[in-house]
Amino acid sequence: MISDPFAATEHNRVASGLSRRHRTGKIWQAIFFSATVIGLVALVALLWTVLDKSFSYVAIEYKVDPATLSSKPLQELTNAELVNLLEANLSKNRFRTLDRKQTLTERTHADLLTLIYDNIVEPRALASYSMSQWIASSQEIRAEVAEKYPDAKLEFRAWINGDFLIDPLSGDPLLVGVRTALMGSLFLILITIAVAFPVGVGSAIYLEEYADKNKWYNRIIQTNIDNLAGVPSIVYGILGLAIFVRTLAPLTSGALFGNADANGRTILSAGLTMALLILPVLIINSQEAIRAVPNSLRQASYGLGATKWQTIWNHVLPQALPGILTGTILAVSRAIGETAPLIIVGAATFITSDPTGPFSKFTALPIQIYNWTTRPQEVYRNIAAAGILVLLISLLTLNAAAILLRNRFSRQHA
């Protein structure tokens, strides 16, 4: 028991202040926890919405029921049997026209199936119902389809499947695939990384290890890089249009290499534009990683007689590489989902030919997802959801590869 009145008062004041600080701490802890819960709920809601749309029941009407064309499913028929089906069900003129475009016997199994569905079966999606709608009111949906579309069949459809990944883009939502868009995105990201990574890391090495920070021009360079990291992506699209699509068209179109039938709206122009977009972010993250390397490591290397470049190459970069790869992951994650710059530099909203090189015309997954969401038919929402899943899986795969490399370097230099 405290007998001194002053000491008792001071004790009470300290106890009251301590209690107030603990109470404030708990309030902020609750706020931070609530923010985390809100973020998780939003993420779960997003994933549920995408998955709910990726699997649905569709009311499909066929001009010719595919089950009546053969005793076996069409997918199990050989190429020769598919060609015979086309010949038996099409007019001679139509059959000769298709064969003239590309010899039918030389076409792939997937191409022949597409021809049969486009020219004979002619399926038409009349309505689409998500899984949540089906679970909540399947009987009402059956009655509605029977009343509105008496000739249609209700079929369950998993929109993300093997055919969706390997089929090219199509004007028919029931036959559409993302192979062309997926290959375009992969080509685009490879060009972006190949350009942005060495330039970004090289710039960071110069600014951190060589540049005199007291020089006015180095301060201007650093300030501009910091500001460019916050510039809207559409501005980079305008820059790419002016420089890569128009000014450097002989190079980006491949005209300098004999590619006469081309303009600057190629996958190379898009890759260079996206490289500019992520370059400031990559430089800043690389600078932070290099700055985090202890200065004592550099001094020890110099003390053993190593040159500046030997120190950077053998000691600084290996220690900074995990952090640099983390920055690269963040930058690539931004690039793979961008749409506005690609629209400006000329990405196609519909193209059926796969990119074969840097001078090819192209499309990309974000462009197709945006295009599908603007269509009035509900079935395109299902295709867009499946495209979002493909985009997420592609992004997670690229990120996982970068994380594995980062962890490997971290273990080697721990």
Protein backbone atom coordinates (compact mmCIF):
# COMPACT_ATOMS: atom_id res chain seq x y z
CA MET A 1 0.00 0.00 0.00
CA ILE A 2 1.33 3.45 -1.03
CA SER A 3 1.23 5.96 1.89
CA ASP A 4 2.74 8.98 0.09
CA PRO A 5 -0.15 10.97 -1.49
CA PHE A 6 2.06 12.26 -4.32
CA ALA A 7 3.34 8.77 -5.11
CA ALA A 8 -0.22 7.41 -5.01
CA THR A 9 -1.40 10.12 -7.42
CA GLU A 10 1.53 9.46 -9.76
CA HIS A 11 0.85 5.73 -9.59
CA ASN A 12 -2.81 6.26 -10.47
CA ARG A 13 -1.87 8.57 -13.35
CA VAL A 14 0.61 6.05 -14.77
CA ALA A 15 -1.89 3.19 -14.34
CA SER A 16 -4.61 5.23 -16.04
CA GLY A 17 -2.29 6.14 -18.94
CA LEU A 18 -1.18 2.54 -19.31
CA SER A 19 -4.78 1.34 -19.36
CA ARG A 20 -5.66 3.98 -21.96
CA ARG A 21 -2.72 2.96 -24.18
CA HIS A 22 -3.71 -0.70 -23.96
CA ARG A 23 -7.29 0.20 -24.84
CA THR A 24 -6.13 2.28 -27.83
CA GLY A 25 -3.90 -0.56 -28.96
CA LYS A 26 -6.79 -3.02 -28.85
CA ILE A 27 -8.98 -0.64 -30.85
CA TRP A 28 -6.34 -0.32 -33.58
CA GLN A 29 -5.80 -4.08 -33.53
CA ALA A 30 -9.53 -4.55 -34.10
CA ILE A 31 -9.44 -2.02 -36.96
CA PHE A 32 -6.51 -3.77 -38.63
CA PHE A 33 -8.17 -7.16 -38.18
CA SER A 34 -11.41 -5.80 -39.67
CA ALA A 35 -9.49 -4.46 -42.68
CA THR A 36 -7.95 -7.91 -43.19
CA VAL A 37 -11.35 -9.60 -42.93
CA ILE A 38 -12.89 -7.13 -45.41
CA GLY A 39 -10.08 -7.82 -47.87
CA LEU A 40 -10.53 -11.59 -47.54
CA VAL A 41 -14.30 -11.33 -47.93
CA ALA A 42 -13.86 -9.22 -51.08
CA LEU A 43 -11.37 -11.75 -52.49
CA VAL A 44 -13.67 -14.70 -51.73
CA ALA A 45 -16.62 -12.84 -53.28
CA LEU A 46 -14.57 -12.18 -56.41
CA LEU A 47 -13.45 -15.80 -56.74
CA TRP A 48 -16.99 -17.07 -56.10
CA THR A 49 -18.43 -14.77 -58.76
CA VAL A 50 -15.87 -15.93 -61.32
CA LEU A 51 -16.30 -19.61 -60.49
CA ASP A 52 -20.10 -19.29 -60.41
CA LYS A 53 -20.08 -17.92 -63.96
CA SER A 54 -17.49 -20.42 -65.22
CA PHE A 55 -19.90 -23.32 -64.72
CA SER A 56 -23.47 -22.95 -65.90
CA TYR A 57 -26.51 -24.53 -67.52
CA VAL A 58 -27.12 -23.36 -71.09
CA ALA A 59 -30.25 -23.59 -73.23
CA ILE A 60 -28.87 -24.70 -76.62
CA GLU A 61 -30.79 -25.08 -79.85
CA TYR A 62 -29.30 -27.17 -82.67
CA LYS A 63 -30.13 -26.90 -86.34
CA VAL A 64 -29.03 -30.55 -86.59
CA ASP A 65 -28.70 -32.62 -83.43
CA PRO A 66 -25.06 -33.88 -83.32
CA ALA A 67 -26.28 -37.19 -81.88
CA THR A 68 -28.09 -37.93 -85.19
CA LEU A 69 -24.98 -37.50 -87.32
CA SER A 70 -23.15 -40.55 -86.05
CA SER A 71 -23.56 -43.53 -83.75
CA LYS A 72 -20.47 -42.33 -81.87
CA PRO A 73 -19.75 -38.91 -80.33
CA LEU A 74 -18.24 -36.59 -82.91
CA GLN A 75 -15.10 -36.18 -80.79
CA GLU A 76 -14.38 -39.92 -81.16
CA LEU A 77 -14.55 -39.96 -84.97
CA THR A 78 -11.38 -40.06 -87.05
CA ASN A 79 -10.38 -37.25 -89.41
CA ALA A 80 -11.49 -39.30 -92.43
CA GLU A 81 -14.93 -39.93 -90.88
CA LEU A 82 -15.34 -36.23 -90.13
CA VAL A 83 -14.49 -35.34 -93.74
CA ASN A 84 -17.09 -37.90 -94.93
CA LEU A 85 -19.67 -36.27 -92.66
CA LEU A 86 -18.94 -32.87 -94.18
CA GLU A 87 -19.22 -34.26 -97.70
CA ALA A 88 -22.50 -36.05 -96.92
CA ASN A 89 -24.22 -33.09 -95.26
CA LEU A 90 -22.98 -30.10 -97.27
CA SER A 91 -23.72 -29.04 -100.78
CA LYS A 92 -21.03 -29.79 -103.35
CA ASN A 93 -20.24 -26.10 -103.83
CA ARG A 94 -19.88 -25.49 -100.08
CA PHE A 95 -17.72 -28.59 -99.65
CA ARG A 96 -15.44 -27.57 -102.53
CA THR A 97 -15.18 -24.02 -101.12
CA LEU A 98 -14.01 -25.32 -97.72
CA ASP A 99 -11.59 -27.73 -99.37
CA ARG A 100 -10.20 -24.95 -101.58
CA LYS A 101 -9.44 -22.71 -98.57
CA GLN A 102 -7.39 -25.50 -97.02
CA THR A 103 -7.40 -29.15 -97.99
CA LEU A 104 -9.78 -30.89 -95.60
CA THR A 105 -7.68 -34.05 -95.36
CA GLU A 106 -4.77 -31.92 -94.10
CA ARG A 107 -6.76 -30.13 -91.39
CA THR A 108 -6.51 -30.99 -87.71
CA HIS A 109 -9.18 -32.89 -85.82
CA ALA A 110 -10.17 -29.72 -83.93
CA ASP A 111 -10.53 -27.75 -87.20
CA LEU A 112 -12.77 -30.42 -88.72
CA LEU A 113 -14.98 -30.50 -85.63
CA THR A 114 -15.28 -26.71 -85.79
CA LEU A 115 -16.32 -26.92 -89.45
CA ILE A 116 -19.00 -29.49 -88.63
CA TYR A 117 -20.41 -27.40 -85.79
CA ASP A 118 -20.28 -24.18 -87.84
CA ASN A 119 -21.74 -25.58 -91.06
CA ILE A 120 -23.95 -28.54 -90.06
CA VAL A 121 -24.84 -28.59 -86.37
CA GLU A 122 -25.04 -24.79 -85.99
CA PRO A 123 -25.66 -24.66 -82.21
CA ARG A 124 -27.16 -21.49 -80.76
CA ALA A 125 -27.01 -20.48 -77.09
CA LEU A 126 -30.37 -18.98 -76.17
CA ALA A 127 -29.95 -18.49 -72.42
CA SER A 128 -27.45 -19.16 -69.67
CA TYR A 129 -27.96 -19.78 -65.95
CA SER A 130 -25.13 -19.69 -63.42
CA MET A 131 -24.64 -22.46 -60.86
CA SER A 132 -26.05 -20.35 -58.03
CA GLN A 133 -29.18 -19.65 -60.08
CA TRP A 134 -29.52 -23.34 -60.92
CA ILE A 135 -29.09 -24.47 -57.32
CA ALA A 136 -31.59 -21.89 -56.07
CA SER A 137 -34.33 -22.44 -58.69
CA SER A 138 -33.65 -25.35 -61.05
CA GLN A 139 -37.33 -26.27 -61.42
CA GLU A 140 -38.32 -22.73 -62.35
CA ILE A 141 -35.47 -22.60 -64.89
CA ARG A 142 -36.63 -25.86 -66.51
CA ALA A 143 -40.15 -24.53 -66.78
CA GLU A 144 -38.95 -21.22 -68.21
CA VAL A 145 -36.79 -22.93 -70.86
CA ALA A 146 -39.61 -25.32 -71.80
CA GLU A 147 -41.98 -22.38 -72.24
CA LYS A 148 -39.68 -19.91 -74.02
CA TYR A 149 -37.44 -22.30 -75.98
CA PRO A 150 -39.37 -25.52 -76.65
CA ASP A 151 -36.76 -26.81 -79.13
CA ALA A 152 -33.78 -26.11 -76.89
CA LYS A 153 -31.88 -28.50 -74.61
CA LEU A 154 -30.57 -27.61 -71.17
CA GLU A 155 -26.94 -28.69 -70.94
CA PHE A 156 -24.39 -28.32 -68.16
CA ARG A 157 -21.26 -26.62 -69.42
CA ALA A 158 -17.87 -26.15 -67.77
CA TRP A 159 -16.63 -23.19 -69.77
CA ILE A 160 -13.01 -23.64 -68.71
CA ASN A 161 -11.88 -26.98 -70.14
CA GLY A 162 -9.30 -28.46 -72.46
CA ASP A 163 -11.07 -27.33 -75.61
CA PHE A 164 -11.34 -23.78 -74.28
CA LEU A 165 -7.55 -23.66 -73.89
CA ILE A 166 -6.62 -25.14 -77.27
CA ASP A 167 -9.34 -23.77 -79.56
CA PRO A 168 -8.83 -20.46 -81.38
CA LEU A 169 -11.13 -17.48 -81.06
CA SER A 170 -14.50 -17.85 -82.72
CA GLY A 171 -17.58 -15.77 -83.38
CA ASP A 172 -19.72 -18.54 -81.88
CA PRO A 173 -19.69 -18.39 -78.05
CA LEU A 174 -20.18 -22.15 -77.84
CA LEU A 175 -17.04 -22.82 -79.88
CA VAL A 176 -14.80 -20.02 -78.67
CA GLY A 177 -11.34 -20.72 -77.23
CA VAL A 178 -8.50 -18.64 -75.81
CA ARG A 179 -5.48 -20.24 -77.47
CA THR A 180 -4.79 -17.21 -79.66
CA ALA A 181 -5.22 -14.73 -76.78
CA LEU A 182 -3.22 -16.87 -74.36
CA MET A 183 -0.30 -17.21 -76.76
CA GLY A 184 -0.46 -13.47 -77.42
CA SER A 185 -0.23 -12.74 -73.68
CA LEU A 186 2.70 -15.13 -73.24
CA PHE A 187 4.60 -13.64 -76.22
CA LEU A 188 3.87 -10.17 -74.85
CA ILE A 189 5.14 -10.93 -71.34
CA LEU A 190 8.28 -12.64 -72.65
CA ILE A 191 9.19 -9.57 -74.73
CA THR A 192 8.34 -7.28 -71.80
CA ILE A 193 10.56 -9.17 -69.34
CA ALA A 194 13.39 -9.57 -71.87
CA VAL A 195 13.52 -5.79 -72.34
CA ALA A 196 12.53 -4.41 -68.94
CA PHE A 197 14.51 -6.72 -66.63
CA PRO A 198 18.08 -6.02 -67.87
CA VAL A 199 17.37 -2.32 -68.46
CA GLY A 200 15.70 -1.90 -65.07
CA VAL A 201 18.37 -3.75 -63.10
CA GLY A 202 21.15 -1.96 -65.01
CA SER A 203 19.58 1.43 -64.26
CA ALA A 204 19.24 0.55 -60.59
CA ILE A 205 22.91 -0.53 -60.41
CA TYR A 206 24.02 2.75 -61.96
CA LEU A 207 21.85 4.93 -59.70
CA GLU A 208 22.85 3.11 -56.51
CA GLU A 209 26.48 2.13 -57.11
CA TYR A 210 27.91 4.59 -59.64
CA ALA A 211 25.83 7.78 -59.75
CA ASP A 212 27.00 10.76 -57.71
CA LYS A 213 23.87 11.75 -55.80
CA ASN A 214 25.18 15.30 -55.44
CA LYS A 215 25.03 15.84 -59.20
CA TRP A 216 21.95 17.75 -60.31
CA TYR A 217 21.27 15.56 -63.35
CA ASN A 218 21.29 12.36 -61.26
CA ARG A 219 18.76 13.92 -58.89
CA ILE A 220 16.57 14.85 -61.88
CA ILE A 221 16.78 11.27 -63.21
CA GLN A 222 15.79 9.83 -59.83
CA THR A 223 12.89 12.27 -59.41
CA ASN A 224 11.55 11.46 -62.88
CA ILE A 225 11.73 7.71 -62.24
CA ASP A 226 9.82 8.13 -58.98
CA ASN A 227 7.15 10.21 -60.74
CA LEU A 228 6.85 7.89 -63.75
CA ALA A 229 5.91 5.00 -61.46
CA GLY A 230 2.58 6.74 -60.83
CA VAL A 231 1.73 7.74 -64.41
CA PRO A 232 -1.56 6.17 -65.68
CA SER A 233 -1.05 3.24 -68.03
CA ILE A 234 -2.98 4.86 -70.87
CA VAL A 235 -0.27 7.55 -71.10
CA TYR A 236 2.27 4.81 -71.81
CA GLY A 237 -0.09 3.51 -74.48
CA ILE A 238 -0.07 6.93 -76.19
CA LEU A 239 3.74 7.00 -75.90
CA GLY A 240 4.00 3.53 -77.43
CA LEU A 241 1.68 4.55 -80.27
CA ALA A 242 3.80 7.61 -81.07
CA ILE A 243 7.22 5.95 -80.79
CA PHE A 244 6.95 2.24 -81.52
CA VAL A 245 3.89 2.05 -83.77
CA ARG A 246 4.58 5.15 -85.89
CA THR A 247 8.11 6.50 -85.55
CA LEU A 248 9.84 3.11 -85.37
CA ALA A 249 7.36 1.32 -87.65
CA PRO A 250 10.08 0.03 -90.05
CA LEU A 251 11.67 -1.80 -87.11
CA THR A 252 8.61 -2.91 -85.13
CA SER A 253 6.72 -4.01 -88.24
CA GLY A 254 9.64 -6.09 -89.50
CA ALA A 255 9.91 -4.11 -92.74
CA LEU A 256 13.67 -3.82 -92.22
CA PHE A 257 13.84 -7.62 -92.21
CA GLY A 258 11.76 -8.16 -95.31
CA ASN A 259 8.28 -8.35 -93.77
CA ALA A 260 6.40 -6.27 -96.36
CA ASP A 261 2.81 -6.99 -95.34
CA ALA A 262 2.90 -5.40 -91.88
CA ASN A 263 2.59 -2.17 -89.95
CA GLY A 264 3.78 -1.08 -86.53
CA ARG A 265 0.80 -2.56 -84.68
CA THR A 266 2.63 -5.75 -83.76
CA ILE A 267 3.33 -7.73 -80.65
CA LEU A 268 6.84 -6.22 -80.54
CA SER A 269 5.39 -2.70 -80.24
CA ALA A 270 3.08 -3.87 -77.47
CA GLY A 271 5.91 -5.63 -75.60
CA LEU A 272 8.13 -2.54 -75.75
CA THR A 273 5.24 -0.37 -74.55
CA MET A 274 4.58 -2.67 -71.59
CA ALA A 275 8.32 -2.69 -70.84
CA LEU A 276 8.20 1.10 -70.53
CA LEU A 277 5.15 0.76 -68.29
CA ILE A 278 6.79 -1.50 -65.72
CA LEU A 279 10.30 -0.05 -65.99
CA PRO A 280 9.94 2.62 -63.24
CA VAL A 281 8.45 0.10 -60.78
CA LEU A 282 11.20 -2.40 -61.55
CA ILE A 283 13.96 0.22 -61.17
CA ILE A 284 12.63 1.47 -57.81
CA ASN A 285 12.25 -2.05 -56.39
CA SER A 286 15.71 -3.03 -57.64
CA GLN A 287 17.20 0.09 -56.04
CA GLU A 288 15.61 -0.81 -52.72
CA ALA A 289 16.99 -4.35 -52.94
CA ILE A 290 20.51 -3.11 -53.77
CA ARG A 291 20.33 -0.46 -51.04
CA ALA A 292 19.44 -3.16 -48.50
CA VAL A 293 22.75 -5.00 -49.06
CA PRO A 294 25.01 -4.19 -46.06
CA ASN A 295 27.76 -1.72 -46.91
CA SER A 296 30.17 -3.82 -44.85
CA LEU A 297 29.95 -6.50 -47.55
CA ARG A 298 31.23 -4.02 -50.14
CA GLN A 299 34.02 -2.81 -47.84
CA ALA A 300 35.14 -6.37 -47.15
CA SER A 301 35.29 -7.07 -50.88
CA TYR A 302 37.31 -3.91 -51.54
CA GLY A 303 39.62 -4.83 -48.68
CA LEU A 304 40.44 -8.11 -50.41
CA GLY A 305 41.40 -6.24 -53.59
CA ALA A 306 38.24 -6.67 -55.65
CA THR A 307 37.30 -3.99 -58.16
CA LYS A 308 33.98 -2.15 -57.98
CA TRP A 309 32.45 -4.24 -60.74
CA GLN A 310 33.71 -7.51 -59.19
CA THR A 311 32.13 -6.45 -55.91
CA ILE A 312 28.82 -5.64 -57.57
CA TRP A 313 28.72 -8.79 -59.70
CA ASN A 314 29.92 -11.32 -57.11
CA HIS A 315 28.51 -9.90 -53.88
CA VAL A 316 25.95 -7.11 -54.24
CA LEU A 317 23.80 -8.58 -57.01
CA PRO A 318 23.56 -12.13 -55.55
CA GLN A 319 22.45 -10.64 -52.21
CA ALA A 320 19.98 -8.26 -53.87
CA LEU A 321 18.58 -10.75 -56.39
CA PRO A 322 15.72 -12.09 -54.19
CA GLY A 323 14.46 -8.54 -53.68
CA ILE A 324 14.89 -7.74 -57.37
CA LEU A 325 12.84 -10.80 -58.31
CA THR A 326 10.14 -9.74 -55.87
CA GLY A 327 9.95 -6.39 -57.66
CA THR A 328 9.85 -8.19 -61.01
CA ILE A 329 6.91 -10.30 -59.83
CA LEU A 330 4.96 -7.16 -58.89
CA ALA A 331 5.81 -5.47 -62.18
CA VAL A 332 4.85 -8.48 -64.32
CA SER A 333 1.62 -8.88 -62.36
CA ARG A 334 0.71 -5.35 -63.39
CA ALA A 335 1.73 -5.82 -67.02
CA ILE A 336 -0.15 -9.07 -67.64
CA GLY A 337 -3.49 -7.53 -66.68
CA GLU A 338 -3.20 -4.18 -68.49
CA THR A 339 -5.70 -3.41 -71.24
CA ALA A 340 -5.64 0.31 -72.10
CA PRO A 341 -2.08 0.45 -73.55
CA LEU A 342 -2.74 -2.64 -75.68
CA ILE A 343 -5.91 -1.14 -77.16
CA ILE A 344 -4.04 2.01 -78.15
CA VAL A 345 -1.06 0.24 -79.75
CA GLY A 346 -3.35 -1.94 -81.85
CA ALA A 347 -4.30 -5.22 -80.15
CA ALA A 348 -7.05 -6.93 -82.13
CA THR A 349 -10.37 -7.70 -80.47
CA PHE A 350 -10.88 -10.66 -82.80
CA ILE A 351 -8.14 -12.64 -84.51
CA THR A 352 -7.94 -16.37 -85.21
CA SER A 353 -4.28 -16.73 -86.20
CA ASP A 354 -1.70 -17.48 -83.51
CA PRO A 355 1.31 -15.16 -83.16
CA THR A 356 4.37 -16.68 -84.80
CA GLY A 357 6.97 -14.05 -83.93
CA PRO A 358 7.56 -10.51 -82.72
CA PHE A 359 6.12 -9.00 -85.93
CA SER A 360 2.77 -10.78 -85.73
CA LYS A 361 -0.61 -9.20 -85.24
CA PHE A 362 -1.90 -10.15 -81.80
CA THR A 363 -4.54 -10.09 -79.14
CA ALA A 364 -4.26 -10.74 -75.40
CA LEU A 365 -6.37 -12.21 -72.61
CA PRO A 366 -7.33 -8.86 -70.98
CA ILE A 367 -8.48 -7.55 -74.37
CA GLN A 368 -10.69 -10.57 -74.99
CA ILE A 369 -12.13 -10.50 -71.47
CA TYR A 370 -13.03 -6.85 -71.92
CA ASN A 371 -14.53 -7.58 -75.35
CA TRP A 372 -16.67 -10.43 -74.03
CA THR A 373 -18.02 -8.39 -71.12
CA THR A 374 -19.29 -5.74 -73.56
CA ARG A 375 -21.44 -8.26 -75.48
CA PRO A 376 -25.17 -8.20 -74.70
CA GLN A 377 -25.65 -12.01 -74.54
CA GLU A 378 -25.42 -13.53 -71.07
CA VAL A 379 -23.37 -16.47 -72.37
CA TYR A 380 -20.43 -14.12 -72.99
CA ARG A 381 -20.28 -13.42 -69.24
CA ASN A 382 -19.56 -17.13 -68.76
CA ILE A 383 -16.79 -17.02 -71.35
CA ALA A 384 -15.34 -13.89 -69.72
CA ALA A 385 -15.32 -15.63 -66.32
CA ALA A 386 -13.49 -18.63 -67.81
CA GLY A 387 -11.01 -16.22 -69.43
CA ILE A 388 -10.43 -14.56 -66.05
CA LEU A 389 -9.61 -17.94 -64.53
CA VAL A 390 -7.11 -18.64 -67.33
CA LEU A 391 -5.55 -15.22 -66.78
CA LEU A 392 -5.30 -15.79 -63.01
CA ILE A 393 -3.79 -19.25 -63.47
CA SER A 394 -1.25 -17.88 -65.98
CA LEU A 395 -0.33 -15.07 -63.61
CA LEU A 396 0.02 -17.42 -60.63
CA THR A 397 2.16 -19.81 -62.70
CA LEU A 398 4.56 -17.03 -63.74
CA ASN A 399 4.68 -15.69 -60.19
CA ALA A 400 5.29 -19.17 -58.76
CA ALA A 401 8.23 -19.68 -61.12
CA ALA A 402 9.72 -16.32 -60.05
CA ILE A 403 9.15 -17.11 -56.36
CA LEU A 404 10.89 -20.48 -56.72
CA LEU A 405 13.89 -18.75 -58.32
CA ARG A 406 13.89 -16.12 -55.59
CA ASN A 407 13.80 -18.72 -52.81
CA ARG A 408 16.57 -20.69 -54.49
CA PHE A 409 18.85 -17.63 -54.61
CA SER A 410 17.90 -16.79 -51.02
CA ARG A 411 19.00 -20.24 -49.82
CA GLN A 412 22.25 -20.08 -51.80
CA HIS A 413 23.26 -16.77 -50.25
CA ALA A 414 21.77 -17.15 -46.79
